[in-house]
C-alpha atoms as a PDB file:
ATOM      1  CA  MET A   1      -3.675 -52.874 -21.854  1.00  0.00           C
ATOM      2  CA  TYR A   2      -5.514 -53.248 -25.135  1.00  0.00           C
ATOM      3  CA  ALA A   3      -8.528 -55.118 -26.462  1.00  0.00           C
ATOM      4  CA  VAL A   4      -9.724 -56.460 -29.796  1.00  0.00           C
ATOM      5  CA  ILE A   5     -13.384 -55.606 -30.473  1.00  0.00           C
ATOM      6  CA  GLU A   6     -15.698 -56.388 -33.367  1.00  0.00           C
ATOM      7  CA  LEU A   7     -18.143 -53.773 -34.694  1.00  0.00           C
ATOM      8  CA  GLY A   8     -19.873 -53.709 -38.058  1.00  0.00           C
ATOM      9  CA  GLY A   9     -18.178 -56.907 -39.222  1.00  0.00           C
ATOM     10  CA  LYS A  10     -14.686 -55.484 -38.707  1.00  0.00           C
ATOM     11  CA  GLN A  11     -12.193 -56.000 -35.894  1.00  0.00           C
ATOM     12  CA  TYR A  12     -10.358 -53.122 -34.183  1.00  0.00           C
ATOM     13  CA  MET A  13      -7.446 -53.135 -31.720  1.00  0.00           C
ATOM     14  CA  VAL A  14      -8.162 -50.410 -29.137  1.00  0.00           C
ATOM     15  CA  SER A  15      -6.750 -49.089 -25.895  1.00  0.00           C
ATOM     16  CA  GLU A  16      -8.077 -46.524 -23.426  1.00  0.00           C
ATOM     17  CA  GLY A  17      -8.307 -43.016 -24.864  1.00  0.00           C
ATOM     18  CA  ASP A  18      -8.455 -44.120 -28.531  1.00  0.00           C
ATOM     19  CA  ARG A  19     -10.927 -42.556 -30.959  1.00  0.00           C
ATOM     20  CA  ILE A  20     -11.951 -44.738 -33.883  1.00  0.00           C
ATOM     21  CA  LYS A  21     -14.381 -44.459 -36.778  1.00  0.00           C
ATOM     22  CA  VAL A  22     -16.616 -47.516 -37.171  1.00  0.00           C
ATOM     23  CA  GLU A  23     -19.548 -48.394 -39.416  1.00  0.00           C
ATOM     24  CA  LYS A  24     -22.690 -46.335 -38.777  1.00  0.00           C
ATOM     25  CA  MET A  25     -24.412 -47.334 -35.532  1.00  0.00           C
ATOM     26  CA  ASP A  26     -27.983 -46.479 -34.537  1.00  0.00           C
ATOM     27  CA  VAL A  27     -26.943 -44.776 -31.269  1.00  0.00           C
ATOM     28  CA  ASN A  28     -27.373 -41.142 -30.214  1.00  0.00           C
ATOM     29  CA  GLU A  29     -24.381 -38.845 -29.723  1.00  0.00           C
ATOM     30  CA  GLN A  30     -22.865 -38.654 -26.207  1.00  0.00           C
ATOM     31  CA  GLU A  31     -24.454 -42.014 -25.364  1.00  0.00           C
ATOM     32  CA  GLU A  32     -22.386 -44.682 -23.576  1.00  0.00           C
ATOM     33  CA  ILE A  33     -22.160 -48.144 -25.144  1.00  0.00           C
ATOM     34  CA  THR A  34     -20.756 -51.405 -23.795  1.00  0.00           C
ATOM     35  CA  ILE A  35     -18.883 -53.773 -26.113  1.00  0.00           C
ATOM     36  CA  ASN A  36     -17.884 -57.365 -25.388  1.00  0.00           C
ATOM     37  CA  PRO A  37     -14.267 -57.783 -26.555  1.00  0.00           C
ATOM     38  CA  LEU A  38     -12.955 -60.813 -28.419  1.00  0.00           C
ATOM     39  CA  MET A  39      -9.605 -60.596 -26.619  1.00  0.00           C
ATOM     40  CA  VAL A  40      -7.983 -58.484 -23.882  1.00  0.00           C
ATOM     41  CA  LYS A  41      -4.227 -58.268 -23.325  1.00  0.00           C
ATOM     42  CA  LYS A  42      -3.411 -57.212 -19.773  1.00  0.00           C
ATOM     43  CA  ASP A  43      -0.408 -55.125 -18.707  1.00  0.00           C
ATOM     44  CA  ASP A  44       1.347 -58.215 -17.338  1.00  0.00           C
ATOM     45  CA  GLY A  45       1.200 -59.860 -20.790  1.00  0.00           C
ATOM     46  CA  THR A  46      -1.569 -62.402 -20.175  1.00  0.00           C
ATOM     47  CA  LEU A  47      -4.409 -62.813 -22.643  1.00  0.00           C
ATOM     48  CA  GLU A  48      -8.108 -63.153 -21.791  1.00  0.00           C
ATOM     49  CA  PHE A  49     -10.460 -64.423 -24.508  1.00  0.00           C
ATOM     50  CA  GLY A  50     -14.175 -63.568 -24.413  1.00  0.00           C
ATOM     51  CA  LYS A  51     -14.005 -61.941 -20.980  1.00  0.00           C
ATOM     52  CA  GLY A  52     -14.386 -58.344 -19.829  1.00  0.00           C
ATOM     53  CA  THR A  53     -16.103 -55.269 -21.213  1.00  0.00           C
ATOM     54  CA  VAL A  54     -15.112 -52.172 -23.147  1.00  0.00           C
ATOM     55  CA  LYS A  55     -16.972 -48.963 -22.312  1.00  0.00           C
ATOM     56  CA  ALA A  56     -17.128 -46.387 -25.101  1.00  0.00           C
ATOM     57  CA  LYS A  57     -18.856 -43.071 -25.751  1.00  0.00           C
ATOM     58  CA  VAL A  58     -20.287 -41.999 -29.110  1.00  0.00           C
ATOM     59  CA  VAL A  59     -18.593 -38.761 -30.147  1.00  0.00           C
ATOM     60  CA  SER A  60     -20.215 -37.980 -33.498  1.00  0.00           C
ATOM     61  CA  HIS A  61     -21.732 -39.266 -36.731  1.00  0.00           C
ATOM     62  CA  GLY A  62     -20.559 -38.243 -40.184  1.00  0.00           C
ATOM     63  CA  LYS A  63     -19.497 -39.176 -43.702  1.00  0.00           C
ATOM     64  CA  HIS A  64     -16.040 -40.140 -44.946  1.00  0.00           C
ATOM     65  CA  LYS A  65     -14.347 -38.360 -47.841  1.00  0.00           C
ATOM     66  CA  LYS A  66     -15.827 -38.985 -51.275  1.00  0.00           C
ATOM     67  CA  VAL A  67     -14.524 -41.978 -53.212  1.00  0.00           C
ATOM     68  CA  ILE A  68     -14.783 -41.600 -56.994  1.00  0.00           C
ATOM     69  CA  VAL A  69     -15.675 -44.684 -59.043  1.00  0.00           C
ATOM     70  CA  PHE A  70     -14.674 -44.237 -62.699  1.00  0.00           C
ATOM     71  CA  LYS A  71     -15.624 -46.721 -65.402  1.00  0.00           C
ATOM     72  CA  TYR A  72     -13.977 -46.530 -68.814  1.00  0.00           C
ATOM     73  CA  ARG A  73     -14.044 -48.644 -71.970  1.00  0.00           C
ATOM     74  CA  PRO A  74     -11.404 -47.746 -74.526  1.00  0.00           C
ATOM     75  CA  LYS A  75     -12.521 -46.889 -78.070  1.00  0.00           C
ATOM     76  CA  LYS A  76     -16.224 -47.146 -77.136  1.00  0.00           C
ATOM     77  CA  ASN A  77     -16.945 -43.574 -75.960  1.00  0.00           C
ATOM     78  CA  TYR A  78     -17.999 -44.971 -72.553  1.00  0.00           C
ATOM     79  CA  LYS A  79     -17.102 -43.025 -69.385  1.00  0.00           C
ATOM     80  CA  ARG A  80     -19.011 -42.993 -66.110  1.00  0.00           C
ATOM     81  CA  TRP A  81     -18.246 -41.203 -62.847  1.00  0.00           C
ATOM     82  CA  LYS A  82     -19.921 -42.072 -59.588  1.00  0.00           C
ATOM     83  CA  GLY A  83     -19.165 -40.843 -56.076  1.00  0.00           C
ATOM     84  CA  HIS A  84     -19.775 -42.535 -52.725  1.00  0.00           C
ATOM     85  CA  ARG A  85     -19.504 -41.277 -49.134  1.00  0.00           C
ATOM     86  CA  GLN A  86     -19.654 -43.963 -46.449  1.00  0.00           C
ATOM     87  CA  LEU A  87     -21.455 -43.142 -43.186  1.00  0.00           C
ATOM     88  CA  TYR A  88     -19.511 -43.624 -39.943  1.00  0.00           C
ATOM     89  CA  THR A  89     -19.823 -43.274 -36.176  1.00  0.00           C
ATOM     90  CA  GLU A  90     -16.841 -41.968 -34.229  1.00  0.00           C
ATOM     91  CA  ILE A  91     -16.441 -43.512 -30.771  1.00  0.00           C
ATOM     92  CA  SER A  92     -14.049 -42.821 -27.923  1.00  0.00           C
ATOM     93  CA  ILE A  93     -12.815 -45.731 -25.772  1.00  0.00           C
ATOM     94  CA  GLU A  94     -13.316 -44.739 -22.133  1.00  0.00           C
ATOM     95  CA  LYS A  95     -12.426 -47.857 -20.141  1.00  0.00           C
ATOM     96  CA  ILE A  96     -11.343 -51.474 -20.605  1.00  0.00           C
ATOM     97  CA  GLU A  97     -12.349 -53.790 -17.740  1.00  0.00           C
ATOM     98  CA  VAL A  98     -11.414 -57.437 -17.264  1.00  0.00           C
END
């Protein structure tokens, strides 16, 4: 069984036991959250839209690897480097209920 959930403006396909990194959420670590799924596919192959719940636990918060932004204009002596580290929340999918 798997479900499609939406967090932080992005959609994720998850099943029980998955660990995913989503956009930073204002939730404490080890706290349980309940997510309403967009779609659930049962083991028998039937689809349920807008029904059920997904229970997840917040594992940790952190920052992704640094992404370097480099700007360059040829023949103009213009070079700029800028780094960015996006914040994330790692969650573990505990249970999918229909």
